[in-house]
Structure formats: C-alpha cells, structure tokens
Protein backbone atom coordinates (compact mmCIF):
# COMPACT_ATOMS: atom_id res chain seq x y z
CA MET A 1 -24.17 49.22 204.40
CA CYS A 2 -27.90 49.12 205.09
CA THR A 3 -29.53 52.50 204.58
CA THR A 4 -32.04 51.88 207.37
CA CYS A 5 -30.04 50.35 210.21
CA GLY A 6 -26.48 51.59 209.67
CA CYS A 7 -25.18 48.08 210.14
CA GLY A 8 -21.81 48.86 208.66
CA VAL A 9 -20.77 51.25 211.42
CA SER A 10 -20.81 49.79 214.91
CA ASN A 11 -18.98 46.79 216.33
CA THR A 12 -16.27 46.79 213.69
CA SER A 13 -12.55 46.32 214.16
CA THR A 14 -11.70 49.50 212.23
CA GLU A 15 -9.59 51.89 214.32
CA LEU A 16 -10.89 55.47 214.47
CA HIS A 17 -8.05 57.87 213.62
CA SER A 18 -9.65 61.29 214.01
CA GLN A 19 -11.89 63.16 216.41
CA HIS A 20 -14.32 63.94 213.61
CA THR A 21 -14.64 60.29 212.65
CA HIS A 22 -15.10 59.36 216.31
CA GLU A 23 -17.89 61.89 216.77
CA THR A 24 -19.63 60.79 213.59
CA ALA A 25 -19.50 57.14 214.64
CA THR A 26 -20.78 58.02 218.11
CA ARG A 27 -23.77 59.88 216.67
CA THR A 28 -24.49 57.00 214.31
CA ILE A 29 -24.43 54.46 217.12
CA ALA A 30 -26.78 56.64 219.19
CA VAL A 31 -29.26 56.77 216.29
CA GLN A 32 -28.88 53.03 215.83
CA GLU A 33 -29.64 52.36 219.51
CA SER A 34 -32.74 54.54 219.25
CA LEU A 35 -33.83 52.64 216.16
CA PHE A 36 -33.49 49.28 217.92
CA ALA A 37 -35.44 50.59 220.93
CA LYS A 38 -38.31 51.71 218.70
CA ASN A 39 -38.23 48.40 216.87
CA ASP A 40 -38.39 46.46 220.14
CA ALA A 41 -41.43 48.47 221.20
CA TYR A 42 -43.24 47.59 217.97
CA ALA A 43 -42.13 43.97 218.36
CA ALA A 44 -43.72 43.83 221.82
CA ILE A 45 -47.00 45.07 220.35
CA ASN A 46 -46.84 42.43 217.60
CA ARG A 47 -46.05 39.70 220.12
CA ASP A 48 -49.00 40.69 222.31
CA ARG A 49 -51.40 40.67 219.34
CA LEU A 50 -50.20 37.27 218.21
CA LYS A 51 -50.42 35.82 221.71
CA ARG A 52 -53.97 37.12 222.22
CA HIS A 53 -55.09 35.40 219.02
CA ARG A 54 -52.89 32.32 219.59
CA VAL A 55 -51.00 32.69 216.32
CA LEU A 56 -47.54 31.18 215.88
CA MET A 57 -45.28 33.58 213.97
CA LEU A 58 -41.94 32.32 212.69
CA ASN A 59 -39.12 34.42 211.24
CA LEU A 60 -37.40 32.52 208.41
CA MET A 61 -33.92 33.83 207.62
CA SER A 62 -31.12 32.78 205.28
CA SER A 63 -28.66 34.01 202.69
CA PRO A 64 -30.02 34.55 199.15
CA GLY A 65 -30.56 31.30 197.26
CA ALA A 66 -30.64 29.01 200.28
CA GLY A 67 -34.05 27.67 199.27
CA LYS A 68 -36.37 29.43 201.74
CA THR A 69 -39.23 29.98 199.32
CA THR A 70 -39.19 26.48 197.83
CA LEU A 71 -39.08 24.95 201.29
CA LEU A 72 -41.91 27.21 202.41
CA VAL A 73 -44.04 26.29 199.40
CA GLU A 74 -43.64 22.57 200.12
CA THR A 75 -44.33 23.20 203.81
CA LEU A 76 -47.54 25.07 203.09
CA LYS A 77 -48.80 22.31 200.80
CA ARG A 78 -48.42 19.87 203.70
CA LEU A 79 -49.72 22.14 206.46
CA HIS A 80 -52.99 22.91 204.65
CA ARG A 81 -54.36 19.68 206.12
CA ASP A 82 -54.06 20.86 209.71
CA PHE A 83 -53.35 24.59 209.95
CA GLN A 84 -54.53 27.91 208.58
CA CYS A 85 -51.38 29.67 207.39
CA ALA A 86 -50.38 33.03 205.96
CA VAL A 87 -47.09 34.50 204.80
CA ILE A 88 -45.37 37.89 204.91
CA GLU A 89 -42.74 38.07 202.17
CA GLY A 90 -39.74 40.37 202.38
CA ASP A 91 -37.63 41.27 199.33
CA GLN A 92 -35.89 44.39 198.15
CA GLN A 93 -37.88 44.29 194.90
CA THR A 94 -40.53 42.25 193.02
CA ASP A 95 -43.44 40.16 194.29
CA GLN A 96 -42.31 36.91 192.68
CA ASP A 97 -42.06 34.96 195.94
CA ALA A 98 -45.45 36.20 197.16
CA ARG A 99 -47.01 35.02 193.90
CA ARG A 100 -45.43 31.59 194.38
CA ILE A 101 -46.89 31.43 197.87
CA ARG A 102 -50.37 32.40 196.68
CA GLU A 103 -50.29 29.52 194.19
CA THR A 104 -50.59 27.22 197.22
CA ASP A 105 -53.87 28.99 198.15
CA THR A 106 -52.10 30.66 201.06
CA PRO A 107 -52.66 34.40 201.60
CA ALA A 108 -49.43 36.38 201.28
CA VAL A 109 -48.44 40.02 201.70
CA GLN A 110 -45.35 41.36 199.94
CA ILE A 111 -43.08 43.93 201.60
CA ASN A 112 -40.48 45.53 199.32
CA THR A 113 -37.69 47.12 201.35
CA GLY A 114 -35.94 48.98 198.51
CA GLN A 115 -32.37 49.45 199.72
CA GLY A 116 -33.18 47.99 203.14
CA CYS A 117 -31.63 44.62 203.94
CA HIS A 118 -34.11 43.35 206.54
CA LEU A 119 -37.69 43.53 207.75
CA ASP A 120 -38.55 45.39 210.96
CA ALA A 121 -41.32 45.08 213.51
CA HIS A 122 -43.17 48.18 212.31
CA GLN A 123 -43.44 46.76 208.79
CA ILE A 124 -44.65 43.44 210.16
CA GLY A 125 -47.30 45.12 212.29
CA HIS A 126 -48.73 46.89 209.25
CA ALA A 127 -48.60 43.71 207.16
CA MET A 128 -50.47 41.77 209.85
CA GLU A 129 -53.44 44.10 209.35
CA ASN A 130 -54.05 42.37 206.01
CA PHE A 131 -54.97 39.14 207.80
CA THR A 132 -57.79 38.16 210.14
CA LEU A 133 -55.59 36.96 212.98
CA PRO A 134 -58.27 34.98 214.88
CA GLU A 135 -58.62 32.78 211.79
CA LEU A 136 -54.87 32.02 211.54
CA ASP A 137 -52.74 29.35 213.17
CA ILE A 138 -49.27 29.98 211.72
CA LEU A 139 -47.85 33.15 210.21
CA PHE A 140 -44.55 32.72 208.37
CA VAL A 141 -42.28 35.70 207.76
CA GLU A 142 -39.80 35.11 204.95
CA ASN A 143 -37.16 37.73 205.66
CA VAL A 144 -34.90 39.42 203.12
CA GLY A 145 -32.04 37.14 202.06
CA ASN A 146 -29.21 38.29 204.32
CA LEU A 147 -27.18 36.61 207.09
CA VAL A 148 -26.38 39.88 208.90
CA CYS A 149 -29.04 42.52 209.53
CA PRO A 150 -32.17 40.37 210.07
CA ALA A 151 -30.52 38.79 213.12
CA GLY A 152 -30.66 42.11 214.97
CA PHE A 153 -34.34 42.91 214.51
CA ASP A 154 -37.00 41.36 216.73
CA LEU A 155 -40.26 41.14 214.78
CA GLY A 156 -42.38 39.79 217.62
CA GLU A 157 -41.92 36.24 216.37
CA ARG A 158 -42.20 33.13 218.49
CA ALA A 159 -39.02 31.65 217.00
CA LYS A 160 -36.26 32.40 214.54
CA VAL A 161 -35.53 29.70 211.96
CA VAL A 162 -32.31 29.85 209.93
CA ILE A 163 -32.06 27.96 206.62
CA PHE A 164 -28.47 27.10 205.75
CA SER A 165 -27.85 25.40 202.39
CA VAL A 166 -25.14 22.83 201.73
CA THR A 167 -24.22 24.89 198.66
CA GLU A 168 -22.73 27.40 201.09
CA GLY A 169 -19.51 27.01 203.06
CA ALA A 170 -19.58 24.89 206.20
CA ASP A 171 -17.92 27.78 208.05
CA LYS A 172 -20.93 30.10 207.70
CA PRO A 173 -21.78 29.85 211.44
CA LEU A 174 -18.32 31.20 212.29
CA LYS A 175 -18.47 33.97 209.70
CA TYR A 176 -21.97 35.11 210.65
CA PRO A 177 -22.20 34.18 214.34
CA ASN A 178 -25.00 36.57 215.31
CA MET A 179 -27.45 34.88 212.98
CA PHE A 180 -26.76 31.44 214.38
CA GLU A 181 -26.61 32.68 217.95
CA VAL A 182 -30.16 34.07 217.85
CA ALA A 183 -31.63 31.07 216.00
CA ASP A 184 -34.05 28.69 217.70
CA LEU A 185 -33.85 26.16 214.87
CA LEU A 186 -31.37 25.54 212.07
CA LEU A 187 -32.44 23.76 208.91
CA ILE A 188 -29.45 22.47 206.96
CA HIS A 189 -31.10 22.45 203.58
CA LYS A 190 -30.61 20.86 200.13
CA VAL A 191 -28.99 17.78 201.65
CA ASP A 192 -29.81 15.86 198.48
CA LEU A 193 -26.85 17.75 196.95
CA LEU A 194 -24.31 16.48 199.50
CA PRO A 195 -22.82 13.90 197.07
CA TYR A 196 -22.10 16.69 194.59
CA VAL A 197 -20.75 19.54 196.72
CA ASP A 198 -17.71 20.02 198.93
CA PHE A 199 -19.56 20.46 202.21
CA ASP A 200 -18.63 18.82 205.52
CA ILE A 201 -21.98 18.58 207.27
CA ASN A 202 -20.48 17.32 210.53
CA GLN A 203 -18.16 20.30 210.61
CA ALA A 204 -21.07 22.65 209.92
CA VAL A 205 -22.98 21.15 212.84
CA ARG A 206 -19.96 21.50 215.13
CA TYR A 207 -19.49 25.13 214.15
CA ALA A 208 -23.20 25.88 214.67
CA HIS A 209 -23.13 24.30 218.14
CA GLN A 210 -19.91 26.15 218.91
CA ILE A 211 -21.86 29.39 218.42
CA ASN A 212 -25.14 28.15 219.91
CA PRO A 213 -24.76 24.94 221.97
CA GLY A 214 -28.50 24.46 222.40
CA LEU A 215 -29.41 24.97 218.76
CA GLN A 216 -31.74 22.33 217.36
CA ILE A 217 -30.72 21.18 213.87
CA ILE A 218 -32.74 19.36 211.22
CA GLN A 219 -31.45 18.26 207.81
CA THR A 220 -33.95 18.96 205.02
CA SER A 221 -34.49 18.74 201.29
CA THR A 222 -37.52 19.33 199.09
CA LYS A 223 -36.46 16.51 196.74
CA ALA A 224 -38.82 13.66 197.56
CA ARG A 225 -36.64 11.09 195.79
CA GLN A 226 -34.23 11.27 198.71
CA GLU A 227 -35.42 9.05 201.57
CA ALA A 228 -33.42 11.08 204.10
CA ALA A 229 -34.94 14.27 202.75
CA GLY A 230 -38.45 12.97 203.39
CA GLU A 231 -37.52 12.11 206.94
CA GLY A 232 -36.03 15.57 207.39
CA LEU A 233 -39.22 17.26 206.24
CA GLU A 234 -41.24 15.11 208.61
CA SER A 235 -39.02 16.30 211.46
CA TRP A 236 -39.57 19.88 210.35
CA TYR A 237 -43.35 19.38 210.26
CA ALA A 238 -43.23 17.79 213.71
CA TRP A 239 -41.26 20.76 215.03
CA LEU A 240 -43.88 23.15 213.62
CA SER A 241 -46.73 21.19 215.16
CA HIS A 242 -45.02 21.14 218.56
CA ALA A 243 -44.26 24.87 218.34
CA PHE A 244 -47.91 25.60 217.64
CA THR A 245 -49.27 23.44 220.45
CA SER A 246 -46.81 25.00 222.92
CA ILE A 247 -48.25 28.51 222.49
CA GLY A 248 -49.37 29.71 225.91
C-alpha cells in the first residue's frame, strides 16, 4: 500500500466485518478524498502556468522495466532538432535515469519519492521552478514505475501516455483498467521482441479498446534494425509534434 495515497484501502472487494474496521476505512477514504482535492488544486495551478508559457507537459507512465527511459532518451535525441525539452524524473530512489537524460544535453530534475509510488502535482510544481518555462516547448514527466497509483493523480499535464511492453501480459489493460482508461495515448513498446515472446498484440489492442474505445495506439521500438520500429517511432514523433502545435 502506498504510504502517501492509501491506495490499498478504498474501492476493494474486501467485505468489512466489524464496526471498528468500517470506521477506520471511512476515515481513510475521507483523508484520501481530501488529498485528491488538494492535488487537483495544485494541478490546476500547474496547468495554468504551462498554458501561459505554451509548454506541452506529458505524463509518461508504465510498469517498471517497460522501457520508458530508453524510449525517452531516443525521443530527446530526435526532438533536439525542433524543440526545447526538459524532463522531470520520478523514482523511489537513485538519480540514474536523470543522469541518462542529461547525457542527451536535456535538463532534468530528479524527484525521489521514498516509499511513495507516484508523483503528485505539488512535487511537479516545485520541480518546474528549476526550469525557465518561457524557453521550453515540451516538458516530459517520467512517473514512478507503477500501473496503479499514478493513474489517479492529475499533474497538470496536457496528456497521459502509457507505455506497455510486449514483455508483459496482453491482459494488462483488463488487470489495470484505470491506467488505460485515463490514457490519451498507448505506446505498445519493444515490438522488436514479438517473435520471441508469447504476446498476442491484437488481443492487447482489443483489451485496451475495451477499456478505452477512443484510445490511440502506436507500436514502438528503439531498435533501429526493425523497419516497423522505425515507422512506429516516426508516428510517435508526429503525435508529439501535433500535440505541441495544438496547444491553445
């Protein structure tokens, strides 16, 4: 259970058998609702700041090991031609991913959440102060690897992007529906491994659309030797460019 959002308490199928347990759960849910309300207020402030400076902020979410950081590194190398980018990195510990990002000459701020399993809008607002927003075009937030809690926290982002690797089960959208329901874009990643893993990509797409019928899906890979992977990355870059130009 997350120590900051109490995600293991509400909306479960566990039957409450005692008055004491019921009262405890009720108090916990009340605190949780207050926490979300405060987060949404901070998210609104972030969104207003980003809109005023015409900065596109994207919230990248996935399970651990899905390939977010590698995909982001390759993306930043390409985007340097056309956009000024920055990154906010979220991990429970270490700054390894932030250091990888900085190797692309992209400014990056590391947030370590300790026992927390997600980033929140207040943390993002503080991290944004490390950048000169009028000089930025795109701000990427690489959230903590987790398919549960990050889905519930608005950061003030323009869009939520979920990275879903073919090394995971095709039924992930059904097991973690909230994450796929809130997503604006799904990247089915590491498709170069499809010949070597037991993953039904058509089934994964069906499940994702079952949860979110309007979800846009792009297949990606950072392995340039795969022709399809290159095409997938081009579609991802095109999506980013369109998202930036559509900022009001």
